Amino acid sequence: MILATTDYITGKELQIMGLVEGSVVTSKHIGKDFMAGMKTIVGGELTGYTEMMNDARSIATKRLVEEAQKMGADGVVGIRYSSSAIMSGAAEVMAYGTAVKFL
């Protein structure tokens, strides 16, 4: 499965199959959330949240690929990511793109 943020794949003629997406809502446990709150006082990277968002992007991408595979796609182009806060300490990450078949 080829994944690309561009709307094309060099050297490939593409048949558009449709929109695919993957999403996840995730949070950190209260201990990590408390420690992140303390970190905001002194500043610096909130590594717990960085890890949470990296994991969430990975899960969302995996779900996008699974949806494309179910359609029989060879790749996904135009991949984009979005995120939003659901509540304090929880976020949704969505990956979406266009499933394509190589001609």
PDB file of N, CA and C in Angstrom:
ATOM      1  N   MET A   1       0.860  -1.173   0.000  1.00  0.00           N
ATOM      2  CA  MET A   1       0.000   0.000   0.000  1.00  0.00           C
ATOM      3  C   MET A   1       0.900   1.228   0.000  1.00  0.00           C
ATOM      4  N   ILE A   2       0.756   2.056  -1.035  1.00  0.00           N
ATOM      5  CA  ILE A   2       1.521   3.302  -1.106  1.00  0.00           C
ATOM      6  C   ILE A   2       0.669   4.421  -0.508  1.00  0.00           C
ATOM      7  N   LEU A   3       1.261   5.180   0.404  1.00  0.00           N
ATOM      8  CA  LEU A   3       0.587   6.313   1.036  1.00  0.00           C
ATOM      9  C   LEU A   3       1.309   7.584   0.637  1.00  0.00           C
ATOM     10  N   ALA A   4       0.539   8.604   0.242  1.00  0.00           N
ATOM     11  CA  ALA A   4       1.154   9.856  -0.210  1.00  0.00           C
ATOM     12  C   ALA A   4       0.303  11.047   0.211  1.00  0.00           C
ATOM     13  N   THR A   5       0.987  12.127   0.560  1.00  0.00           N
ATOM     14  CA  THR A   5       0.274  13.364   0.847  1.00  0.00           C
ATOM     15  C   THR A   5      -0.016  14.143  -0.432  1.00  0.00           C
ATOM     16  N   THR A   6       0.650  13.768  -1.516  1.00  0.00           N
ATOM     17  CA  THR A   6       0.395  14.407  -2.806  1.00  0.00           C
ATOM     18  C   THR A   6      -0.872  13.817  -3.419  1.00  0.00           C
ATOM     19  N   ASP A   7      -1.396  14.477  -4.454  1.00  0.00           N
ATOM     20  CA  ASP A   7      -2.608  14.010  -5.121  1.00  0.00           C
ATOM     21  C   ASP A   7      -2.310  13.040  -6.252  1.00  0.00           C
ATOM     22  N   TYR A   8      -1.063  12.633  -6.378  1.00  0.00           N
ATOM     23  CA  TYR A   8      -0.653  11.723  -7.442  1.00  0.00           C
ATOM     24  C   TYR A   8       0.523  10.885  -6.938  1.00  0.00           C
ATOM     25  N   ILE A   9       0.831   9.841  -7.698  1.00  0.00           N
ATOM     26  CA  ILE A   9       2.024   9.036  -7.440  1.00  0.00           C
ATOM     27  C   ILE A   9       2.793   8.998  -8.751  1.00  0.00           C
ATOM     28  N   THR A  10       3.989   9.539  -8.752  1.00  0.00           N
ATOM     29  CA  THR A  10       4.796   9.650  -9.959  1.00  0.00           C
ATOM     30  C   THR A  10       4.897   8.299 -10.663  1.00  0.00           C
ATOM     31  N   GLY A  11       4.605   8.314 -11.969  1.00  0.00           N
ATOM     32  CA  GLY A  11       4.724   7.117 -12.782  1.00  0.00           C
ATOM     33  C   GLY A  11       3.531   6.186 -12.716  1.00  0.00           C
ATOM     34  N   LYS A  12       2.502   6.544 -11.979  1.00  0.00           N
ATOM     35  CA  LYS A  12       1.322   5.688 -11.849  1.00  0.00           C
ATOM     36  C   LYS A  12       0.088   6.418 -12.387  1.00  0.00           C
ATOM     37  N   GLU A  13      -0.707   5.686 -13.150  1.00  0.00           N
ATOM     38  CA  GLU A  13      -2.021   6.199 -13.562  1.00  0.00           C
ATOM     39  C   GLU A  13      -3.011   5.674 -12.534  1.00  0.00           C
ATOM     40  N   LEU A  14      -3.856   6.544 -12.022  1.00  0.00           N
ATOM     41  CA  LEU A  14      -4.700   6.202 -10.884  1.00  0.00           C
ATOM     42  C   LEU A  14      -6.183   6.206 -11.234  1.00  0.00           C
ATOM     43  N   GLN A  15      -6.885   5.233 -10.680  1.00  0.00           N
ATOM     44  CA  GLN A  15      -8.340   5.211 -10.718  1.00  0.00           C
ATOM     45  C   GLN A  15      -8.801   5.543  -9.304  1.00  0.00           C
ATOM     46  N   ILE A  16      -9.611   6.576  -9.168  1.00  0.00           N
ATOM     47  CA  ILE A  16     -10.098   6.988  -7.846  1.00  0.00           C
ATOM     48  C   ILE A  16     -11.182   6.030  -7.386  1.00  0.00           C
ATOM     49  N   MET A  17     -11.031   5.551  -6.169  1.00  0.00           N
ATOM     50  CA  MET A  17     -11.991   4.606  -5.607  1.00  0.00           C
ATOM     51  C   MET A  17     -12.902   5.258  -4.568  1.00  0.00           C
ATOM     52  N   GLY A  18     -12.423   6.296  -3.913  1.00  0.00           N
ATOM     53  CA  GLY A  18     -13.257   6.979  -2.933  1.00  0.00           C
ATOM     54  C   GLY A  18     -12.512   7.399  -1.684  1.00  0.00           C
ATOM     55  N   LEU A  19     -13.227   8.096  -0.846  1.00  0.00           N
ATOM     56  CA  LEU A  19     -12.691   8.617   0.412  1.00  0.00           C
ATOM     57  C   LEU A  19     -12.495   7.487   1.414  1.00  0.00           C
ATOM     58  N   VAL A  20     -11.367   7.516   2.102  1.00  0.00           N
ATOM     59  CA  VAL A  20     -11.123   6.601   3.218  1.00  0.00           C
ATOM     60  C   VAL A  20     -10.680   7.425   4.415  1.00  0.00           C
ATOM     61  N   GLU A  21     -10.963   6.906   5.586  1.00  0.00           N
ATOM     62  CA  GLU A  21     -10.590   7.634   6.793  1.00  0.00           C
ATOM     63  C   GLU A  21     -10.327   6.672   7.931  1.00  0.00           C
ATOM     64  N   GLY A  22      -9.625   7.163   8.897  1.00  0.00           N
ATOM     65  CA  GLY A  22      -9.386   6.430  10.131  1.00  0.00           C
ATOM     66  C   GLY A  22      -9.325   7.442  11.247  1.00  0.00           C
ATOM     67  N   SER A  23      -9.881   7.089  12.388  1.00  0.00           N
ATOM     68  CA  SER A  23      -9.844   8.045  13.500  1.00  0.00           C
ATOM     69  C   SER A  23      -9.719   7.302  14.818  1.00  0.00           C
ATOM     70  N   VAL A  24      -9.304   8.049  15.826  1.00  0.00           N
ATOM     71  CA  VAL A  24      -9.192   7.524  17.178  1.00  0.00           C
ATOM     72  C   VAL A  24      -9.353   8.694  18.157  1.00  0.00           C
ATOM     73  N   VAL A  25     -10.001   8.410  19.259  1.00  0.00           N
ATOM     74  CA  VAL A  25     -10.076   9.359  20.376  1.00  0.00           C
ATOM     75  C   VAL A  25      -9.256   8.737  21.494  1.00  0.00           C
ATOM     76  N   THR A  26      -8.315   9.496  22.013  1.00  0.00           N
ATOM     77  CA  THR A  26      -7.392   8.942  22.998  1.00  0.00           C
ATOM     78  C   THR A  26      -7.168   9.923  24.141  1.00  0.00           C
ATOM     79  N   SER A  27      -6.707   9.390  25.265  1.00  0.00           N
ATOM     80  CA  SER A  27      -6.392  10.244  26.420  1.00  0.00           C
ATOM     81  C   SER A  27      -5.247   9.612  27.203  1.00  0.00           C
ATOM     82  N   LYS A  28      -4.697  10.384  28.091  1.00  0.00           N
ATOM     83  CA  LYS A  28      -3.666   9.904  29.011  1.00  0.00           C
ATOM     84  C   LYS A  28      -4.334   9.638  30.357  1.00  0.00           C
ATOM     85  N   HIS A  29      -3.752   8.704  31.108  1.00  0.00           N
ATOM     86  CA  HIS A  29      -4.320   8.437  32.430  1.00  0.00           C
ATOM     87  C   HIS A  29      -4.061   9.626  33.358  1.00  0.00           C
ATOM     88  N   ILE A  30      -4.775   9.675  34.425  1.00  0.00           N
ATOM     89  CA  ILE A  30      -4.779  10.828  35.331  1.00  0.00           C
ATOM     90  C   ILE A  30      -3.384  11.181  35.840  1.00  0.00           C
ATOM     91  N   GLY A  31      -2.548  10.195  36.084  1.00  0.00           N
ATOM     92  CA  GLY A  31      -1.187  10.468  36.560  1.00  0.00           C
ATOM     93  C   GLY A  31      -0.384  11.258  35.536  1.00  0.00           C
ATOM     94  N   LYS A  32      -0.444  10.831  34.279  1.00  0.00           N
ATOM     95  CA  LYS A  32       0.281  11.537  33.211  1.00  0.00           C
ATOM     96  C   LYS A  32      -0.322  12.920  33.004  1.00  0.00           C
ATOM     97  N   ASP A  33      -1.656  13.010  33.101  1.00  0.00           N
ATOM     98  CA  ASP A  33      -2.329  14.292  32.917  1.00  0.00           C
ATOM     99  C   ASP A  33      -1.919  15.265  34.027  1.00  0.00           C
ATOM    100  N   PHE A  34      -1.828  14.777  35.239  1.00  0.00           N
ATOM    101  CA  PHE A  34      -1.410  15.613  36.363  1.00  0.00           C
ATOM    102  C   PHE A  34       0.020  16.106  36.161  1.00  0.00           C
ATOM    103  N   MET A  35       0.914  15.187  35.749  1.00  0.00           N
ATOM    104  CA  MET A  35       2.316  15.561  35.544  1.00  0.00           C
ATOM    105  C   MET A  35       2.446  16.574  34.403  1.00  0.00           C
ATOM    106  N   ALA A  36       1.641  16.436  33.372  1.00  0.00           N
ATOM    107  CA  ALA A  36       1.672  17.401  32.269  1.00  0.00           C
ATOM    108  C   ALA A  36       1.217  18.766  32.765  1.00  0.00           C
ATOM    109  N   GLY A  37       0.214  18.772  33.637  1.00  0.00           N
ATOM    110  CA  GLY A  37      -0.248  20.030  34.222  1.00  0.00           C
ATOM    111  C   GLY A  37       0.847  20.713  35.023  1.00  0.00           C
ATOM    112  N   MET A  38       1.615  19.932  35.741  1.00  0.00           N
ATOM    113  CA  MET A  38       2.720  20.488  36.516  1.00  0.00           C
ATOM    114  C   MET A  38       3.808  21.028  35.580  1.00  0.00           C
ATOM    115  N   LYS A  39       4.025  20.351  34.479  1.00  0.00           N
ATOM    116  CA  LYS A  39       5.063  20.757  33.527  1.00  0.00           C
ATOM    117  C   LYS A  39       4.735  22.112  32.903  1.00  0.00           C
ATOM    118  N   THR A  40       3.449  22.428  32.772  1.00  0.00           N
ATOM    119  CA  THR A  40       3.087  23.712  32.165  1.00  0.00           C
ATOM    120  C   THR A  40       3.538  24.887  33.025  1.00  0.00           C
ATOM    121  N   ILE A  41       3.787  24.647  34.295  1.00  0.00           N
ATOM    122  CA  ILE A  41       4.247  25.720  35.192  1.00  0.00           C
ATOM    123  C   ILE A  41       5.679  26.128  34.842  1.00  0.00           C
ATOM    124  N   VAL A  42       6.537  25.148  34.565  1.00  0.00           N
ATOM    125  CA  VAL A  42       7.947  25.447  34.296  1.00  0.00           C
ATOM    126  C   VAL A  42       8.261  25.497  32.799  1.00  0.00           C
ATOM    127  N   GLY A  43       7.366  24.996  31.973  1.00  0.00           N
ATOM    128  CA  GLY A  43       7.580  25.017  30.524  1.00  0.00           C
ATOM    129  C   GLY A  43       8.316  23.784  30.032  1.00  0.00           C
ATOM    130  N   GLY A  44       8.318  23.608  28.751  1.00  0.00           N
ATOM    131  CA  GLY A  44       9.000  22.470  28.138  1.00  0.00           C
ATOM    132  C   GLY A  44       8.018  21.549  27.445  1.00  0.00           C
ATOM    133  N   GLU A  45       8.581  20.555  26.775  1.00  0.00           N
ATOM    134  CA  GLU A  45       7.754  19.607  26.025  1.00  0.00           C
ATOM    135  C   GLU A  45       6.967  18.706  26.969  1.00  0.00           C
ATOM    136  N   LEU A  46       5.719  18.475  26.626  1.00  0.00           N
ATOM    137  CA  LEU A  46       4.874  17.548  27.367  1.00  0.00           C
ATOM    138  C   LEU A  46       4.994  16.189  26.684  1.00  0.00           C
ATOM    139  N   THR A  47       6.037  15.450  27.044  1.00  0.00           N
ATOM    140  CA  THR A  47       6.374  14.224  26.317  1.00  0.00           C
ATOM    141  C   THR A  47       5.250  13.190  26.363  1.00  0.00           C
ATOM    142  N   GLY A  48       4.512  13.150  27.443  1.00  0.00           N
ATOM    143  CA  GLY A  48       3.383  12.220  27.529  1.00  0.00           C
ATOM    144  C   GLY A  48       2.352  12.502  26.446  1.00  0.00           C
ATOM    145  N   TYR A  49       2.090  13.786  26.212  1.00  0.00           N
ATOM    146  CA  TYR A  49       1.125  14.159  25.173  1.00  0.00           C
ATOM    147  C   TYR A  49       1.710  13.991  23.778  1.00  0.00           C
ATOM    148  N   THR A  50       2.998  14.227  23.639  1.00  0.00           N
ATOM    149  CA  THR A  50       3.647  13.984  22.347  1.00  0.00           C
ATOM    150  C   THR A  50       3.519  12.513  21.984  1.00  0.00           C
ATOM    151  N   GLU A  51       3.799  11.637  22.934  1.00  0.00           N
ATOM    152  CA  GLU A  51       3.662  10.195  22.705  1.00  0.00           C
ATOM    153  C   GLU A  51       2.214   9.834  22.393  1.00  0.00           C
ATOM    154  N   MET A  52       1.276  10.423  23.126  1.00  0.00           N
ATOM    155  CA  MET A  52      -0.138  10.143  22.909  1.00  0.00           C
ATOM    156  C   MET A  52      -0.547  10.511  21.489  1.00  0.00           C
ATOM    157  N   MET A  53      -0.123  11.675  21.020  1.00  0.00           N
ATOM    158  CA  MET A  53      -0.505  12.118  19.680  1.00  0.00           C
ATOM    159  C   MET A  53       0.194  11.297  18.604  1.00  0.00           C
ATOM    160  N   ASN A  54       1.454  10.921  18.816  1.00  0.00           N
ATOM    161  CA  ASN A  54       2.148  10.047  17.860  1.00  0.00           C
ATOM    162  C   ASN A  54       1.444   8.698  17.754  1.00  0.00           C
ATOM    163  N   ASP A  55       1.079   8.129  18.890  1.00  0.00           N
ATOM    164  CA  ASP A  55       0.353   6.856  18.891  1.00  0.00           C
ATOM    165  C   ASP A  55      -0.998   7.007  18.195  1.00  0.00           C
ATOM    166  N   ALA A  56      -1.685   8.098  18.465  1.00  0.00           N
ATOM    167  CA  ALA A  56      -3.001   8.329  17.857  1.00  0.00           C
ATOM    168  C   ALA A  56      -2.888   8.457  16.340  1.00  0.00           C
ATOM    169  N   ARG A  57      -1.879   9.173  15.844  1.00  0.00           N
ATOM    170  CA  ARG A  57      -1.685   9.281  14.384  1.00  0.00           C
ATOM    171  C   ARG A  57      -1.410   7.920  13.775  1.00  0.00           C
ATOM    172  N   SER A  58      -0.621   7.117  14.471  1.00  0.00           N
ATOM    173  CA  SER A  58      -0.308   5.779  13.976  1.00  0.00           C
ATOM    174  C   SER A  58      -1.567   4.908  13.885  1.00  0.00           C
ATOM    175  N   ILE A  59      -2.398   4.948  14.898  1.00  0.00           N
ATOM    176  CA  ILE A  59      -3.638   4.168  14.910  1.00  0.00           C
ATOM    177  C   ILE A  59      -4.577   4.670  13.811  1.00  0.00           C
ATOM    178  N   ALA A  60      -4.729   5.984  13.678  1.00  0.00           N
ATOM    179  CA  ALA A  60      -5.608   6.544  12.649  1.00  0.00           C
ATOM    180  C   ALA A  60      -5.128   6.149  11.253  1.00  0.00           C
ATOM    181  N   THR A  61      -3.818   6.172  11.031  1.00  0.00           N
ATOM    182  CA  THR A  61      -3.258   5.776   9.729  1.00  0.00           C
ATOM    183  C   THR A  61      -3.519   4.297   9.466  1.00  0.00           C
ATOM    184  N   LYS A  62      -3.330   3.459  10.476  1.00  0.00           N
ATOM    185  CA  LYS A  62      -3.586   2.021  10.334  1.00  0.00           C
ATOM    186  C   LYS A  62      -5.036   1.776   9.948  1.00  0.00           C
ATOM    187  N   ARG A  63      -5.956   2.480  10.565  1.00  0.00           N
ATOM    188  CA  ARG A  63      -7.382   2.310  10.257  1.00  0.00           C
ATOM    189  C   ARG A  63      -7.712   2.804   8.856  1.00  0.00           C
ATOM    190  N   LEU A  64      -7.069   3.885   8.423  1.00  0.00           N
ATOM    191  CA  LEU A  64      -7.231   4.381   7.053  1.00  0.00           C
ATOM    192  C   LEU A  64      -6.778   3.311   6.061  1.00  0.00           C
ATOM    193  N   VAL A  65      -5.621   2.720   6.295  1.00  0.00           N
ATOM    194  CA  VAL A  65      -5.082   1.680   5.409  1.00  0.00           C
ATOM    195  C   VAL A  65      -6.016   0.471   5.380  1.00  0.00           C
ATOM    196  N   GLU A  66      -6.523   0.057   6.523  1.00  0.00           N
ATOM    197  CA  GLU A  66      -7.441  -1.084   6.582  1.00  0.00           C
ATOM    198  C   GLU A  66      -8.691  -0.814   5.746  1.00  0.00           C
ATOM    199  N   GLU A  67      -9.225   0.394   5.819  1.00  0.00           N
ATOM    200  CA  GLU A  67     -10.414   0.753   5.039  1.00  0.00           C
ATOM    201  C   GLU A  67     -10.097   0.725   3.540  1.00  0.00           C
ATOM    202  N   ALA A  68      -8.919   1.226   3.168  1.00  0.00           N
ATOM    203  CA  ALA A  68      -8.512   1.212   1.758  1.00  0.00           C
ATOM    204  C   ALA A  68      -8.327  -0.217   1.255  1.00  0.00           C
ATOM    205  N   GLN A  69      -7.741  -1.074   2.090  1.00  0.00           N
ATOM    206  CA  GLN A  69      -7.540  -2.477   1.709  1.00  0.00           C
ATOM    207  C   GLN A  69      -8.874  -3.181   1.473  1.00  0.00           C
ATOM    208  N   LYS A  70      -9.882  -2.879   2.295  1.00  0.00           N
ATOM    209  CA  LYS A  70     -11.214  -3.466   2.123  1.00  0.00           C
ATOM    210  C   LYS A  70     -11.821  -3.086   0.773  1.00  0.00           C
ATOM    211  N   MET A  71     -11.449  -1.910   0.266  1.00  0.00           N
ATOM    212  CA  MET A  71     -11.943  -1.446  -1.031  1.00  0.00           C
ATOM    213  C   MET A  71     -11.138  -2.038  -2.188  1.00  0.00           C
ATOM    214  N   GLY A  72     -10.031  -2.698  -1.880  1.00  0.00           N
ATOM    215  CA  GLY A  72      -9.167  -3.241  -2.919  1.00  0.00           C
ATOM    216  C   GLY A  72      -8.205  -2.224  -3.493  1.00  0.00           C
ATOM    217  N   ALA A  73      -7.924  -1.168  -2.740  1.00  0.00           N
ATOM    218  CA  ALA A  73      -7.043  -0.097  -3.205  1.00  0.00           C
ATOM    219  C   ALA A  73      -5.579  -0.512  -3.177  1.00  0.00           C
ATOM    220  N   ASP A  74      -4.792   0.114  -4.063  1.00  0.00           N
ATOM    221  CA  ASP A  74      -3.347  -0.084  -4.096  1.00  0.00           C
ATOM    222  C   ASP A  74      -2.614   1.018  -3.333  1.00  0.00           C
ATOM    223  N   GLY A  75      -3.303   2.118  -3.067  1.00  0.00           N
ATOM    224  CA  GLY A  75      -2.676   3.241  -2.387  1.00  0.00           C
ATOM    225  C   GLY A  75      -3.705   4.244  -1.923  1.00  0.00           C
ATOM    226  N   VAL A  76      -3.229   5.230  -1.187  1.00  0.00           N
ATOM    227  CA  VAL A  76      -4.064   6.347  -0.739  1.00  0.00           C
ATOM    228  C   VAL A  76      -3.283   7.626  -1.017  1.00  0.00           C
ATOM    229  N   VAL A  77      -3.908   8.558  -1.709  1.00  0.00           N
ATOM    230  CA  VAL A  77      -3.271   9.837  -2.023  1.00  0.00           C
ATOM    231  C   VAL A  77      -4.001  10.965  -1.299  1.00  0.00           C
ATOM    232  N   GLY A  78      -3.350  12.120  -1.250  1.00  0.00           N
ATOM    233  CA  GLY A  78      -3.955  13.294  -0.631  1.00  0.00           C
ATOM    234  C   GLY A  78      -4.209  13.117   0.856  1.00  0.00           C
ATOM    235  N   ILE A  79      -3.359  12.353   1.529  1.00  0.00           N
ATOM    236  CA  ILE A  79      -3.582  12.083   2.960  1.00  0.00           C
ATOM    237  C   ILE A  79      -3.401  13.365   3.769  1.00  0.00           C
ATOM    238  N   ARG A  80      -4.338  13.583   4.657  1.00  0.00           N
ATOM    239  CA  ARG A  80      -4.300  14.722   5.574  1.00  0.00           C
ATOM    240  C   ARG A  80      -4.628  14.219   6.973  1.00  0.00           C
ATOM    241  N   TYR A  81      -4.185  14.974   7.953  1.00  0.00           N
ATOM    242  CA  TYR A  81      -4.472  14.667   9.351  1.00  0.00           C
ATOM    243  C   TYR A  81      -5.137  15.879   9.992  1.00  0.00           C
ATOM    244  N   SER A  82      -6.034  15.608  10.903  1.00  0.00           N
ATOM    245  CA  SER A  82      -6.605  16.688  11.700  1.00  0.00           C
ATOM    246  C   SER A  82      -6.722  16.190  13.137  1.00  0.00           C
ATOM    247  N   SER A  83      -6.730  17.124  14.051  1.00  0.00           N
ATOM    248  CA  SER A  83      -6.910  16.759  15.454  1.00  0.00           C
ATOM    249  C   SER A  83      -7.753  17.814  16.135  1.00  0.00           C
ATOM    250  N   SER A  84      -8.433  17.390  17.168  1.00  0.00           N
ATOM    251  CA  SER A  84      -9.235  18.324  17.943  1.00  0.00           C
ATOM    252  C   SER A  84      -9.301  17.833  19.380  1.00  0.00           C
ATOM    253  N   ALA A  85      -9.410  18.786  20.272  1.00  0.00           N
ATOM    254  CA  ALA A  85      -9.560  18.451  21.689  1.00  0.00           C
ATOM    255  C   ALA A  85     -11.008  18.050  21.936  1.00  0.00           C
ATOM    256  N   ILE A  86     -11.203  16.930  22.575  1.00  0.00           N
ATOM    257  CA  ILE A  86     -12.542  16.458  22.915  1.00  0.00           C
ATOM    258  C   ILE A  86     -12.920  16.961  24.305  1.00  0.00           C
ATOM    259  N   MET A  87     -11.943  16.883  25.205  1.00  0.00           N
ATOM    260  CA  MET A  87     -12.086  17.372  26.572  1.00  0.00           C
ATOM    261  C   MET A  87     -10.677  17.528  27.116  1.00  0.00           C
ATOM    262  N   SER A  88     -10.529  18.012  28.304  1.00  0.00           N
ATOM    263  CA  SER A  88      -9.202  18.174  28.879  1.00  0.00           C
ATOM    264  C   SER A  88      -8.488  16.830  28.934  1.00  0.00           C
ATOM    265  N   GLY A  89      -7.338  16.751  28.266  1.00  0.00           N
ATOM    266  CA  GLY A  89      -6.542  15.531  28.294  1.00  0.00           C
ATOM    267  C   GLY A  89      -6.933  14.486  27.277  1.00  0.00           C
ATOM    268  N   ALA A  90      -7.927  14.772  26.418  1.00  0.00           N
ATOM    269  CA  ALA A  90      -8.352  13.809  25.398  1.00  0.00           C
ATOM    270  C   ALA A  90      -8.420  14.499  24.043  1.00  0.00           C
ATOM    271  N   ALA A  91      -8.026  13.773  23.005  1.00  0.00           N
ATOM    272  CA  ALA A  91      -8.022  14.348  21.663  1.00  0.00           C
ATOM    273  C   ALA A  91      -8.461  13.315  20.644  1.00  0.00           C
ATOM    274  N   GLU A  92      -9.046  13.813  19.562  1.00  0.00           N
ATOM    275  CA  GLU A  92      -9.367  12.971  18.416  1.00  0.00           C
ATOM    276  C   GLU A  92      -8.350  13.266  17.326  1.00  0.00           C
ATOM    277  N   VAL A  93      -7.845  12.231  16.690  1.00  0.00           N
ATOM    278  CA  VAL A  93      -6.989  12.388  15.521  1.00  0.00           C
ATOM    279  C   VAL A  93      -7.669  11.655  14.377  1.00  0.00           C
ATOM    280  N   MET A  94      -7.773  12.338  13.233  1.00  0.00           N
ATOM    281  CA  MET A  94      -8.384  11.751  12.054  1.00  0.00           C
ATOM    282  C   MET A  94      -7.389  11.806  10.901  1.00  0.00           C
ATOM    283  N   ALA A  95      -7.297  10.699  10.172  1.00  0.00           N
ATOM    284  CA  ALA A  95      -6.506  10.628   8.945  1.00  0.00           C
ATOM    285  C   ALA A  95      -7.499  10.366   7.819  1.00  0.00           C
ATOM    286  N   TYR A  96      -7.352  11.084   6.705  1.00  0.00           N
ATOM    287  CA  TYR A  96      -8.261  10.862   5.585  1.00  0.00           C
ATOM    288  C   TYR A  96      -7.534  11.096   4.277  1.00  0.00           C
ATOM    289  N   GLY A  97      -8.030  10.473   3.230  1.00  0.00           N
ATOM    290  CA  GLY A  97      -7.428  10.594   1.914  1.00  0.00           C
ATOM    291  C   GLY A  97      -8.282   9.915   0.869  1.00  0.00           C
ATOM    292  N   THR A  98      -7.747   9.783  -0.329  1.00  0.00           N
ATOM    293  CA  THR A  98      -8.468   9.181  -1.458  1.00  0.00           C
ATOM    294  C   THR A  98      -7.825   7.841  -1.801  1.00  0.00           C
ATOM    295  N   ALA A  99      -8.622   6.787  -1.717  1.00  0.00           N
ATOM    296  CA  ALA A  99      -8.146   5.451  -2.096  1.00  0.00           C
ATOM    297  C   ALA A  99      -8.056   5.378  -3.609  1.00  0.00           C
ATOM    298  N   VAL A 100      -6.980   4.776  -4.113  1.00  0.00           N
ATOM    299  CA  VAL A 100      -6.771   4.671  -5.566  1.00  0.00           C
ATOM    300  C   VAL A 100      -6.333   3.259  -5.941  1.00  0.00           C
ATOM    301  N   LYS A 101      -6.623   2.917  -7.177  1.00  0.00           N
ATOM    302  CA  LYS A 101      -6.177   1.662  -7.778  1.00  0.00           C
ATOM    303  C   LYS A 101      -5.244   2.034  -8.916  1.00  0.00           C
ATOM    304  N   PHE A 102      -4.140   1.290  -9.079  1.00  0.00           N
ATOM    305  CA  PHE A 102      -3.206   1.550 -10.155  1.00  0.00           C
ATOM    306  C   PHE A 102      -3.715   0.905 -11.443  1.00  0.00           C
ATOM    307  N   LEU A 103      -3.649   1.666 -12.529  1.00  0.00           N
ATOM    308  CA  LEU A 103      -4.076   1.142 -13.842  1.00  0.00           C
ATOM    309  C   LEU A 103      -2.892   0.624 -14.606  1.00  0.00           C
TER     310      LEU A 103
END
